[in-house]
Amino acid sequence: MRKLSLKLGIIFFITLFCIETFMMFFLHTSLTNSRVEEELTSLQARGNSHRTILERNFDKETLAHIVLMESEEDTDVVITNISGTILASSNPHPEIKDYINQLENTVPYNGEILQRHWQNEKYIATISPIQKQQRTVGYVFMFQNTVSIHALMERLNKHFLIVGFVSGLVTIAVIIVLSRKLAHPLIQMKEATMKMSNGDFSVTLSSNGRDELSDLAIAIQHLSDELNHLRQDRKDFLSSIAHELRTPLTFIKGYADILYKRNLTEQDRQKYLGIIIEETNRLSHLIRELFELAKMDENSFIIEKECLQLNEFLENIRGKLSPAFQEKQLHFNVHCEEGLTLMADAARLEQILMNLLKNALSYCSSGDVISVIAKRQDDLVSILVKDTGKGIPKKDLPHIFERFYRVEKSRSRSLGGVGLGLSIVKELVQAHGGEITAQSKENKGTTFILTFKGVKKYENNTTH
């Protein structure tokens, strides 16, 4: 936490420090130049004011009056004639001769600034020409000591230092708060991912905001829930496999020991051998279904689609299963729209329907009706497998496609499989790009609805 918040704090501080330094420098320079320009403008205006008075009365009394006025101020005045002779002065300024020598032929009537470099000079200076009848007869030189400007700049610098220090403290405080606020959820997410990497998926992250951090927290929380669910599924899956494998192996081992250790009659011997063969077949069927599921999970099985004529396809299935239905005295019906086609893998679609129909065969009693109905709905093909058997309880219906889920937990082994058939059916339907749903009421029957996309072209399509 310290490292992340420190890095964020340093980045924020450097960024804000650069911005504030630039702004303070710009503001300081602007204020300094503005204040100096104000002083120069004021000095120039004062010189122009004296010039205006002298243009009216250019005599000794007026000169003495102006000198007297400036002697009471922080500014100095020097009045010369056109040839540079000093007529009056409030304070001697030796550099006046240099300024007079540097004068150009004409000075603007509004005057001009002679010296503005207050940093390195003792005085700033301006000049205003005195004119009589459009002819220059003298000059008014104004001087102001730069000590006052330096004092003003020192006060300004002091204020800027105080403001900079306070703003720096406020900036640091804000950065500390913001960096911790930003770092805290990231640290929580880091700790959550560390817990998840160690196998602990009991993660709870807050997602109160609507920003990217909240989206990330929601995603991590969702991942944690999914991993926890997968871990529980794996645990249940392995437990179910162990149970399903142990049961037939126990039967096989037990009856094999009986056959090996005891002298049995031929009738008992055949009976026990039949049980061993039955359990072996059951074990072989379980392993085959597990192998099918493993291939589906790895997407290593192939769906080779072709255009199937459903009427002919369903009649072929009726022919294969009719003896089993007749033996149990069940009515088996097939209804298919004329000319209805579907792009599907023939072997896999047969496996789907066989699983559903064998399921119905197990849960129907004498006199019940089992129907397969195929029809087109817009651009979809629906295949319904209906029966009037025992039905599925409402509480079990949402779970029937889960692996190893059994509706009747205590049913006899002869009544059904191991709870993988419907899981395989769902995987195969989804591999075809279709969907499967179930509707059921206890003692009234069950309907499985398979929905596939219809056929637009008669062409083969291979899907991995």
Protein backbone atom coordinates (compact mmCIF):
# COMPACT_ATOMS: atom_id res chain seq x y z
CA MET A 1 0.00 0.00 0.00
CA ARG A 2 2.80 2.38 0.93
CA LYS A 3 4.57 1.87 -2.39
CA LEU A 4 1.52 2.49 -4.55
CA SER A 5 0.24 5.50 -2.61
CA LEU A 6 3.80 6.90 -2.50
CA LYS A 7 4.20 6.55 -6.26
CA LEU A 8 0.83 8.14 -6.91
CA GLY A 9 1.65 10.92 -4.44
CA ILE A 10 5.01 11.64 -6.07
CA ILE A 11 3.46 11.73 -9.54
CA PHE A 12 0.67 14.05 -8.40
CA PHE A 13 3.10 16.25 -6.46
CA ILE A 14 5.53 16.65 -9.36
CA THR A 15 2.67 17.40 -11.76
CA LEU A 16 0.99 19.94 -9.49
CA PHE A 17 4.35 21.44 -8.45
CA CYS A 18 5.27 22.07 -12.08
CA ILE A 19 1.86 23.58 -12.80
CA GLU A 20 1.88 25.76 -9.69
CA THR A 21 5.50 26.87 -10.26
CA PHE A 22 4.73 27.89 -13.82
CA MET A 23 1.59 29.74 -12.74
CA MET A 24 3.36 31.49 -9.83
CA PHE A 25 6.27 32.49 -12.07
CA PHE A 26 3.93 33.79 -14.75
CA LEU A 27 1.83 35.67 -12.21
CA HIS A 28 4.91 37.11 -10.45
CA THR A 29 6.43 38.28 -13.72
CA SER A 30 3.13 39.80 -14.84
CA LEU A 31 2.61 41.63 -11.55
CA THR A 32 6.22 42.86 -11.48
CA ASN A 33 6.10 44.19 -15.02
CA SER A 34 2.69 45.72 -14.37
CA ARG A 35 3.86 47.51 -11.23
CA VAL A 36 7.03 48.83 -12.92
CA GLU A 37 5.00 50.01 -15.90
CA GLU A 38 2.63 51.78 -13.52
CA GLU A 39 5.59 53.55 -11.86
CA LEU A 40 7.04 54.57 -15.21
CA THR A 41 3.67 55.76 -16.49
CA SER A 42 3.12 57.75 -13.30
CA LEU A 43 6.60 59.28 -13.56
CA GLN A 44 6.05 60.15 -17.22
CA ALA A 45 2.65 61.70 -16.41
CA ARG A 46 4.26 63.80 -13.66
CA GLY A 47 6.89 65.07 -16.07
CA ASN A 48 4.24 65.90 -18.69
CA SER A 49 2.28 67.79 -16.06
CA HIS A 50 5.35 69.93 -15.23
CA ARG A 51 5.98 70.42 -18.95
CA THR A 52 2.44 71.77 -19.43
CA ILE A 53 2.92 74.31 -16.61
CA LEU A 54 6.26 75.46 -18.03
CA GLU A 55 4.82 75.91 -21.49
CA ARG A 56 2.49 78.50 -19.98
CA ASN A 57 5.02 80.24 -17.77
CA PHE A 58 8.63 79.49 -18.59
CA ASP A 59 10.22 81.75 -15.94
CA LYS A 60 12.33 81.50 -12.78
CA GLU A 61 9.38 81.56 -10.38
CA THR A 62 7.70 78.64 -12.11
CA LEU A 63 10.95 76.72 -12.20
CA ALA A 64 11.48 77.29 -8.48
CA HIS A 65 7.91 76.25 -7.74
CA ILE A 66 8.27 72.94 -9.62
CA VAL A 67 11.60 72.20 -7.90
CA LEU A 68 10.00 72.93 -4.54
CA MET A 69 7.13 70.55 -5.28
CA GLU A 70 9.47 67.66 -6.21
CA SER A 71 11.73 68.24 -3.22
CA GLU A 72 8.84 67.06 -1.03
CA GLU A 73 8.32 63.86 -3.09
CA ASP A 74 10.28 60.66 -3.75
CA THR A 75 10.92 61.83 -7.29
CA ASP A 76 13.46 64.33 -8.67
CA VAL A 77 13.14 66.81 -11.50
CA VAL A 78 15.82 68.36 -13.71
CA ILE A 79 14.87 71.12 -16.17
CA THR A 80 17.23 72.05 -19.00
CA ASN A 81 17.13 74.29 -22.03
CA ILE A 82 17.48 73.02 -25.57
CA SER A 83 21.28 73.15 -25.42
CA GLY A 84 21.42 70.99 -22.26
CA THR A 85 22.12 73.71 -19.70
CA ILE A 86 20.50 72.87 -16.35
CA LEU A 87 18.03 75.62 -15.45
CA ALA A 88 16.67 74.03 -12.23
CA SER A 89 17.09 70.78 -10.30
CA SER A 90 15.58 69.26 -7.15
CA ASN A 91 18.61 67.01 -6.76
CA PRO A 92 21.90 66.87 -8.67
CA HIS A 93 22.09 64.01 -11.17
CA PRO A 94 25.50 63.65 -12.84
CA GLU A 95 24.13 61.18 -15.36
CA ILE A 96 21.92 63.94 -16.80
CA LYS A 97 24.73 64.91 -19.18
CA ASP A 98 24.90 61.38 -20.54
CA TYR A 99 21.14 61.38 -21.17
CA ILE A 100 21.39 64.78 -22.90
CA ASN A 101 24.21 63.55 -25.13
CA GLN A 102 22.23 60.44 -26.05
CA LEU A 103 19.10 62.36 -27.02
CA GLU A 104 17.97 62.02 -30.61
CA ASN A 105 17.08 65.00 -32.70
CA THR A 106 13.41 64.79 -31.80
CA VAL A 107 11.67 63.60 -28.63
CA PRO A 108 7.94 62.73 -28.87
CA TYR A 109 5.71 65.38 -27.39
CA ASN A 110 4.22 62.82 -24.97
CA GLY A 111 7.75 62.09 -23.85
CA GLU A 112 9.65 58.85 -23.58
CA ILE A 113 11.31 56.58 -21.04
CA LEU A 114 15.05 57.02 -20.75
CA GLN A 115 15.80 54.30 -18.18
CA ARG A 116 13.53 51.36 -17.29
CA HIS A 117 16.09 48.82 -16.00
CA TRP A 118 15.25 49.12 -12.34
CA GLN A 119 17.03 45.91 -11.34
CA ASN A 120 20.56 47.20 -12.05
CA GLU A 121 20.20 51.02 -12.00
CA LYS A 122 19.71 53.48 -9.15
CA TYR A 123 17.00 55.41 -10.96
CA ILE A 124 14.32 55.07 -13.57
CA ALA A 125 14.02 58.17 -15.76
CA THR A 126 11.68 59.84 -18.26
CA ILE A 127 11.88 62.94 -20.46
CA SER A 128 9.18 65.40 -21.59
CA PRO A 129 9.92 68.14 -24.19
CA ILE A 130 8.91 71.77 -23.51
CA GLN A 131 7.60 73.43 -26.66
CA LYS A 132 6.82 77.01 -27.59
CA GLN A 133 5.13 77.71 -30.89
CA GLN A 134 5.77 74.17 -32.12
CA ARG A 135 9.49 74.48 -31.26
CA THR A 136 11.30 72.64 -28.47
CA VAL A 137 12.88 75.06 -26.01
CA GLY A 138 13.81 72.68 -23.18
CA TYR A 139 13.32 69.39 -21.42
CA VAL A 140 11.86 68.11 -18.16
CA PHE A 141 13.78 65.10 -16.83
CA MET A 142 12.07 63.04 -14.11
CA PHE A 143 13.98 60.60 -11.88
CA GLN A 144 12.72 58.09 -9.33
CA ASN A 145 14.92 56.10 -7.01
CA THR A 146 14.61 52.32 -7.61
CA VAL A 147 14.91 51.63 -3.87
CA SER A 148 11.15 52.02 -3.55
CA ILE A 149 10.60 49.63 -6.45
CA HIS A 150 12.98 47.10 -4.90
CA ALA A 151 11.10 47.41 -1.59
CA LEU A 152 7.83 46.85 -3.44
CA MET A 153 9.26 43.78 -5.15
CA GLU A 154 10.50 42.39 -1.82
CA ARG A 155 7.02 42.72 -0.34
CA LEU A 156 5.56 41.07 -3.42
CA ASN A 157 8.11 38.23 -3.24
CA LYS A 158 7.35 37.73 0.44
CA HIS A 159 3.64 37.47 -0.26
CA PHE A 160 4.30 35.01 -3.07
CA LEU A 161 6.48 32.86 -0.80
CA ILE A 162 3.74 32.75 1.83
CA VAL A 163 1.11 31.89 -0.76
CA GLY A 164 3.42 29.27 -2.31
CA PHE A 165 4.16 27.68 1.07
CA VAL A 166 0.46 27.52 2.03
CA SER A 167 -0.58 26.21 -1.38
CA GLY A 168 2.23 23.62 -1.17
CA LEU A 169 0.96 22.36 2.18
CA VAL A 170 -2.62 22.22 0.89
CA THR A 171 -1.43 20.43 -2.25
CA ILE A 172 0.48 17.83 -0.23
CA ALA A 173 -2.55 17.23 2.00
CA VAL A 174 -4.85 16.86 -1.01
CA ILE A 175 -2.35 14.54 -2.72
CA ILE A 176 -2.10 12.32 0.37
CA VAL A 177 -5.88 12.01 0.58
CA LEU A 178 -6.36 11.42 -3.15
CA SER A 179 -3.48 8.94 -3.49
CA ARG A 180 -4.76 6.89 -0.59
CA LYS A 181 -8.31 7.06 -1.90
CA LEU A 182 -7.15 5.83 -5.29
CA ALA A 183 -4.71 3.28 -3.90
CA HIS A 184 -7.09 1.74 -1.33
CA PRO A 185 -9.43 -0.02 -3.81
CA LEU A 186 -6.44 -1.14 -5.88
CA ILE A 187 -4.81 -2.60 -2.78
CA GLN A 188 -8.06 -4.36 -1.91
CA MET A 189 -8.15 -5.86 -5.41
CA LYS A 190 -4.51 -6.94 -5.12
CA GLU A 191 -5.20 -8.65 -1.78
CA ALA A 192 -8.30 -10.27 -3.27
CA THR A 193 -6.36 -11.68 -6.24
CA MET A 194 -3.64 -12.95 -3.85
CA LYS A 195 -6.30 -14.76 -1.82
CA MET A 196 -7.76 -16.20 -5.03
CA SER A 197 -4.32 -17.40 -6.16
CA ASN A 198 -4.02 -19.24 -2.82
CA GLY A 199 -7.36 -20.94 -3.35
CA ASP A 200 -9.46 -18.70 -1.10
CA PHE A 201 -12.39 -17.41 -3.14
CA SER A 202 -14.30 -15.81 -0.24
CA VAL A 203 -13.67 -12.35 -1.66
CA THR A 204 -15.90 -9.33 -1.09
CA LEU A 205 -15.16 -6.08 -2.91
CA SER A 206 -17.16 -2.87 -2.69
CA SER A 207 -18.34 -1.32 -5.97
CA ASN A 208 -20.24 1.78 -4.95
CA GLY A 209 -19.01 4.07 -7.72
CA ARG A 210 -19.57 4.05 -11.47
CA ASP A 211 -15.99 4.44 -12.64
CA GLU A 212 -13.40 2.06 -14.10
CA LEU A 213 -12.21 0.98 -10.62
CA SER A 214 -15.76 -0.08 -9.73
CA ASP A 215 -16.04 -1.99 -13.02
CA LEU A 216 -12.76 -3.75 -12.23
CA ALA A 217 -13.96 -4.60 -8.71
CA ILE A 218 -17.20 -6.04 -10.13
CA ALA A 219 -15.21 -8.09 -12.66
CA ILE A 220 -12.90 -9.49 -9.94
CA GLN A 221 -15.88 -10.23 -7.71
CA HIS A 222 -17.60 -12.03 -10.59
CA LEU A 223 -14.43 -13.98 -11.33
CA SER A 224 -14.15 -14.96 -7.66
CA ASP A 225 -17.75 -16.16 -7.59
CA GLU A 226 -17.28 -18.12 -10.81
CA LEU A 227 -14.05 -19.75 -9.57
CA ASN A 228 -15.72 -20.61 -6.29
CA HIS A 229 -18.62 -22.14 -8.20
CA LEU A 230 -16.23 -24.06 -10.46
CA ARG A 231 -14.28 -25.35 -7.46
CA GLN A 232 -17.49 -26.55 -5.83
CA ASP A 233 -18.59 -28.11 -9.13
CA ARG A 234 -15.24 -29.87 -9.46
CA LYS A 235 -15.46 -31.11 -5.89
CA ASP A 236 -18.99 -32.43 -6.46
CA PHE A 237 -17.96 -33.84 -9.83
CA LEU A 238 -15.01 -35.76 -8.41
CA SER A 239 -17.11 -36.96 -5.50
CA SER A 240 -19.83 -38.19 -7.85
CA ILE A 241 -17.31 -39.91 -10.12
CA ALA A 242 -15.73 -41.65 -7.14
CA HIS A 243 -19.15 -42.79 -5.94
CA GLU A 244 -20.32 -43.95 -9.37
CA LEU A 245 -17.10 -45.84 -10.02
CA ARG A 246 -16.97 -47.38 -6.57
CA THR A 247 -20.48 -48.85 -6.75
CA PRO A 248 -20.07 -51.08 -9.86
CA LEU A 249 -16.53 -52.01 -8.83
CA THR A 250 -17.83 -53.12 -5.45
CA PHE A 251 -20.45 -55.29 -7.13
CA ILE A 252 -17.94 -56.76 -9.58
CA LYS A 253 -15.36 -57.49 -6.88
CA GLY A 254 -17.93 -58.94 -4.47
CA TYR A 255 -19.56 -61.31 -6.92
CA ALA A 256 -16.21 -62.27 -8.45
CA ASP A 257 -15.00 -63.29 -4.97
CA ILE A 258 -18.16 -65.36 -4.50
CA LEU A 259 -17.60 -67.12 -7.81
CA TYR A 260 -13.94 -67.73 -6.97
CA LYS A 261 -14.29 -68.95 -3.36
CA ARG A 262 -17.55 -70.90 -3.33
CA ASN A 263 -18.89 -73.97 -5.00
CA LEU A 264 -22.09 -72.73 -6.62
CA THR A 265 -24.80 -74.31 -8.65
CA GLU A 266 -24.87 -73.53 -12.33
CA GLN A 267 -28.00 -71.42 -11.81
CA ASP A 268 -26.34 -69.25 -9.10
CA ARG A 269 -23.19 -69.04 -11.15
CA GLN A 270 -25.09 -67.71 -14.18
CA LYS A 271 -26.98 -65.28 -11.93
CA TYR A 272 -23.80 -63.80 -10.45
CA LEU A 273 -22.09 -63.67 -13.83
CA GLY A 274 -25.10 -61.76 -15.18
CA ILE A 275 -24.77 -59.19 -12.36
CA ILE A 276 -21.04 -58.83 -13.05
CA ILE A 277 -21.72 -58.32 -16.79
CA GLU A 278 -24.47 -55.79 -16.01
CA GLU A 279 -22.21 -53.78 -13.70
CA THR A 280 -19.35 -54.01 -16.19
CA ASN A 281 -21.61 -52.61 -18.90
CA ARG A 282 -22.76 -49.88 -16.52
CA LEU A 283 -19.13 -49.01 -15.73
CA SER A 284 -18.24 -49.00 -19.43
CA HIS A 285 -21.20 -46.71 -20.17
CA LEU A 286 -20.14 -44.31 -17.39
CA ILE A 287 -16.56 -44.15 -18.67
CA ARG A 288 -17.80 -43.54 -22.22
CA GLU A 289 -20.02 -40.67 -21.05
CA LEU A 290 -17.17 -39.16 -19.02
CA PHE A 291 -14.94 -39.38 -22.07
CA GLU A 292 -17.61 -37.61 -24.12
CA LEU A 293 -17.84 -34.82 -21.54
CA ALA A 294 -14.06 -34.47 -21.42
CA LYS A 295 -13.92 -34.03 -25.21
CA MET A 296 -16.71 -31.45 -25.03
CA ASP A 297 -14.93 -29.49 -22.30
CA GLU A 298 -11.77 -29.41 -24.40
CA ASN A 299 -13.69 -28.60 -27.62
CA SER A 300 -11.87 -31.53 -29.23
CA PHE A 301 -14.93 -33.24 -30.69
CA ILE A 302 -16.18 -32.42 -34.18
CA ILE A 303 -19.67 -31.53 -35.35
CA GLU A 304 -19.98 -32.36 -39.05
CA LYS A 305 -23.19 -30.80 -40.24
CA GLU A 306 -25.15 -31.98 -43.24
CA CYS A 307 -28.63 -31.33 -44.57
CA LEU A 308 -30.95 -33.85 -42.90
CA GLN A 309 -34.46 -34.68 -44.09
CA LEU A 310 -36.08 -34.73 -40.65
CA ASN A 311 -39.06 -36.85 -41.63
CA GLU A 312 -36.84 -39.70 -42.81
CA PHE A 313 -34.40 -39.18 -39.93
CA LEU A 314 -37.11 -39.40 -37.22
CA GLU A 315 -38.74 -42.43 -38.83
CA ASN A 316 -35.37 -44.20 -38.65
CA ILE A 317 -35.21 -43.48 -34.89
CA ARG A 318 -38.80 -44.73 -34.50
CA GLY A 319 -37.77 -48.00 -36.14
CA LYS A 320 -34.87 -48.47 -33.73
CA LEU A 321 -36.83 -47.78 -30.54
CA SER A 322 -40.29 -49.13 -31.36
CA PRO A 323 -39.56 -52.64 -30.01
CA ALA A 324 -38.49 -51.23 -26.64
CA PHE A 325 -41.64 -49.05 -26.41
CA GLN A 326 -43.90 -51.92 -27.49
CA GLU A 327 -42.35 -54.22 -24.89
CA LYS A 328 -43.25 -51.71 -22.17
CA GLN A 329 -46.67 -51.08 -23.78
CA LEU A 330 -45.99 -47.38 -24.48
CA HIS A 331 -47.41 -45.40 -27.39
CA PHE A 332 -44.69 -43.80 -29.50
CA ASN A 333 -45.66 -41.15 -32.06
CA VAL A 334 -43.61 -39.10 -34.54
CA HIS A 335 -45.00 -35.94 -36.20
CA CYS A 336 -42.87 -33.99 -38.67
CA GLU A 337 -43.77 -31.29 -41.17
CA GLU A 338 -43.41 -32.43 -44.75
CA GLY A 339 -40.09 -31.49 -46.37
CA LEU A 340 -38.62 -30.11 -43.14
CA THR A 341 -34.80 -30.05 -43.18
CA LEU A 342 -32.08 -29.22 -40.68
CA MET A 343 -28.33 -28.66 -40.86
CA ALA A 344 -26.96 -31.00 -38.18
CA ASP A 345 -24.57 -33.83 -37.43
CA ALA A 346 -26.67 -36.95 -37.98
CA ALA A 347 -24.84 -39.10 -35.42
CA ARG A 348 -24.87 -36.40 -32.72
CA LEU A 349 -28.53 -35.47 -33.32
CA GLU A 350 -29.43 -39.15 -33.06
CA GLN A 351 -27.46 -39.34 -29.80
CA ILE A 352 -29.44 -36.34 -28.47
CA LEU A 353 -32.84 -37.80 -29.32
CA MET A 354 -31.88 -41.29 -28.19
CA ASN A 355 -30.86 -39.98 -24.75
CA LEU A 356 -34.11 -38.04 -24.36
CA LEU A 357 -36.28 -40.92 -25.55
CA LYS A 358 -34.50 -43.48 -23.33
CA ASN A 359 -35.02 -41.07 -20.46
CA ALA A 360 -38.73 -40.98 -21.27
CA LEU A 361 -38.78 -44.76 -21.56
CA SER A 362 -37.39 -45.04 -18.02
CA TYR A 363 -39.95 -42.73 -16.43
CA CYS A 364 -43.11 -43.75 -18.26
CA SER A 365 -45.50 -46.53 -17.30
CA SER A 366 -47.67 -48.81 -19.37
CA GLY A 367 -50.18 -46.83 -21.44
CA ASP A 368 -48.24 -43.55 -21.41
CA VAL A 369 -47.65 -41.65 -24.65
CA ILE A 370 -44.28 -40.48 -25.96
CA SER A 371 -44.20 -38.10 -28.91
CA VAL A 372 -41.55 -36.48 -31.09
CA ILE A 373 -42.80 -33.37 -32.93
CA ALA A 374 -40.71 -31.42 -35.45
CA LYS A 375 -41.92 -28.12 -36.89
CA ARG A 376 -40.68 -24.87 -38.36
CA GLN A 377 -41.22 -21.55 -36.58
CA ASP A 378 -40.08 -18.63 -38.77
CA ASP A 379 -36.39 -19.38 -39.45
CA LEU A 380 -36.11 -21.85 -36.54
CA VAL A 381 -36.65 -25.58 -36.36
CA SER A 382 -38.14 -26.94 -33.12
CA ILE A 383 -38.07 -30.58 -32.05
CA LEU A 384 -40.26 -31.47 -29.06
CA VAL A 385 -39.86 -34.69 -27.09
CA LYS A 386 -43.01 -35.11 -24.97
CA ASP A 387 -44.15 -37.79 -22.59
CA THR A 388 -47.01 -38.31 -20.16
CA GLY A 389 -44.86 -39.98 -17.53
CA LYS A 390 -43.96 -39.19 -13.92
CA GLY A 391 -42.76 -35.65 -14.58
CA ILE A 392 -40.08 -33.67 -12.75
CA PRO A 393 -40.66 -31.84 -9.44
CA LYS A 394 -40.57 -28.05 -9.75
CA LYS A 395 -37.61 -27.71 -7.37
CA ASP A 396 -35.51 -30.10 -9.48
CA LEU A 397 -36.36 -28.71 -12.91
CA PRO A 398 -33.69 -25.93 -12.96
CA HIS A 399 -30.92 -28.47 -12.15
CA ILE A 400 -31.66 -31.38 -14.48
CA PHE A 401 -28.90 -30.41 -16.96
CA GLU A 402 -26.22 -30.34 -14.25
CA ARG A 403 -23.69 -33.16 -14.21
CA PHE A 404 -24.48 -36.09 -11.90
CA TYR A 405 -27.75 -34.47 -10.85
CA ARG A 406 -30.50 -36.99 -10.15
CA VAL A 407 -34.12 -36.14 -9.57
CA GLU A 408 -34.62 -39.22 -7.43
CA LYS A 409 -31.56 -39.48 -5.22
CA SER A 410 -32.66 -42.81 -3.74
CA ARG A 411 -33.92 -44.48 -6.89
CA SER A 412 -32.82 -48.00 -7.73
CA ARG A 413 -29.88 -48.45 -10.04
CA SER A 414 -32.08 -50.12 -12.60
CA LEU A 415 -34.27 -47.05 -13.05
CA GLY A 416 -31.75 -44.62 -14.56
CA GLY A 417 -28.19 -43.69 -15.30
CA VAL A 418 -25.65 -41.69 -13.40
CA GLY A 419 -26.95 -38.22 -14.17
CA LEU A 420 -24.76 -37.42 -17.18
CA GLY A 421 -27.18 -38.02 -20.04
CA LEU A 422 -28.94 -34.65 -19.96
CA SER A 423 -25.61 -32.84 -19.46
CA ILE A 424 -24.30 -34.46 -22.65
CA VAL A 425 -27.54 -33.62 -24.47
CA LYS A 426 -27.23 -29.94 -23.53
CA GLU A 427 -23.57 -29.79 -24.61
CA LEU A 428 -24.39 -31.39 -27.97
CA VAL A 429 -27.34 -29.08 -28.60
CA GLN A 430 -25.21 -26.01 -27.83
CA ALA A 431 -22.46 -27.35 -30.10
CA HIS A 432 -25.05 -27.22 -32.91
CA GLY A 433 -25.78 -23.58 -32.03
CA GLY A 434 -29.15 -24.53 -30.57
CA GLU A 435 -30.91 -24.33 -27.24
CA ILE A 436 -32.72 -26.85 -25.05
CA THR A 437 -35.36 -26.14 -22.41
CA ALA A 438 -37.62 -28.35 -20.31
CA GLN A 439 -41.20 -28.04 -19.09
CA SER A 440 -42.70 -30.51 -16.65
CA LYS A 441 -45.44 -31.15 -14.11
CA GLU A 442 -45.43 -34.01 -11.66
CA ASN A 443 -47.58 -36.97 -12.74
CA LYS A 444 -48.49 -35.15 -15.98
CA GLY A 445 -45.36 -35.50 -18.05
CA THR A 446 -42.30 -33.70 -19.36
CA THR A 447 -41.54 -31.83 -22.59
CA PHE A 448 -38.01 -31.16 -23.86
CA ILE A 449 -37.85 -28.40 -26.50
CA LEU A 450 -34.88 -28.33 -28.87
CA THR A 451 -34.51 -25.20 -30.99
CA PHE A 452 -32.13 -25.00 -33.95
CA LYS A 453 -31.52 -22.42 -36.64
CA GLY A 454 -33.29 -23.29 -39.89
CA VAL A 455 -31.69 -24.20 -43.19
CA LYS A 456 -31.11 -21.58 -45.86
CA LYS A 457 -28.68 -23.50 -48.09
CA TYR A 458 -28.09 -27.17 -48.75
CA GLU A 459 -24.38 -27.35 -47.99
CA ASN A 460 -22.04 -29.10 -45.61
CA ASN A 461 -20.55 -27.19 -42.69
CA THR A 462 -17.92 -28.46 -40.28
CA THR A 463 -17.74 -26.94 -36.78
CA HIS A 464 -15.06 -27.57 -34.14
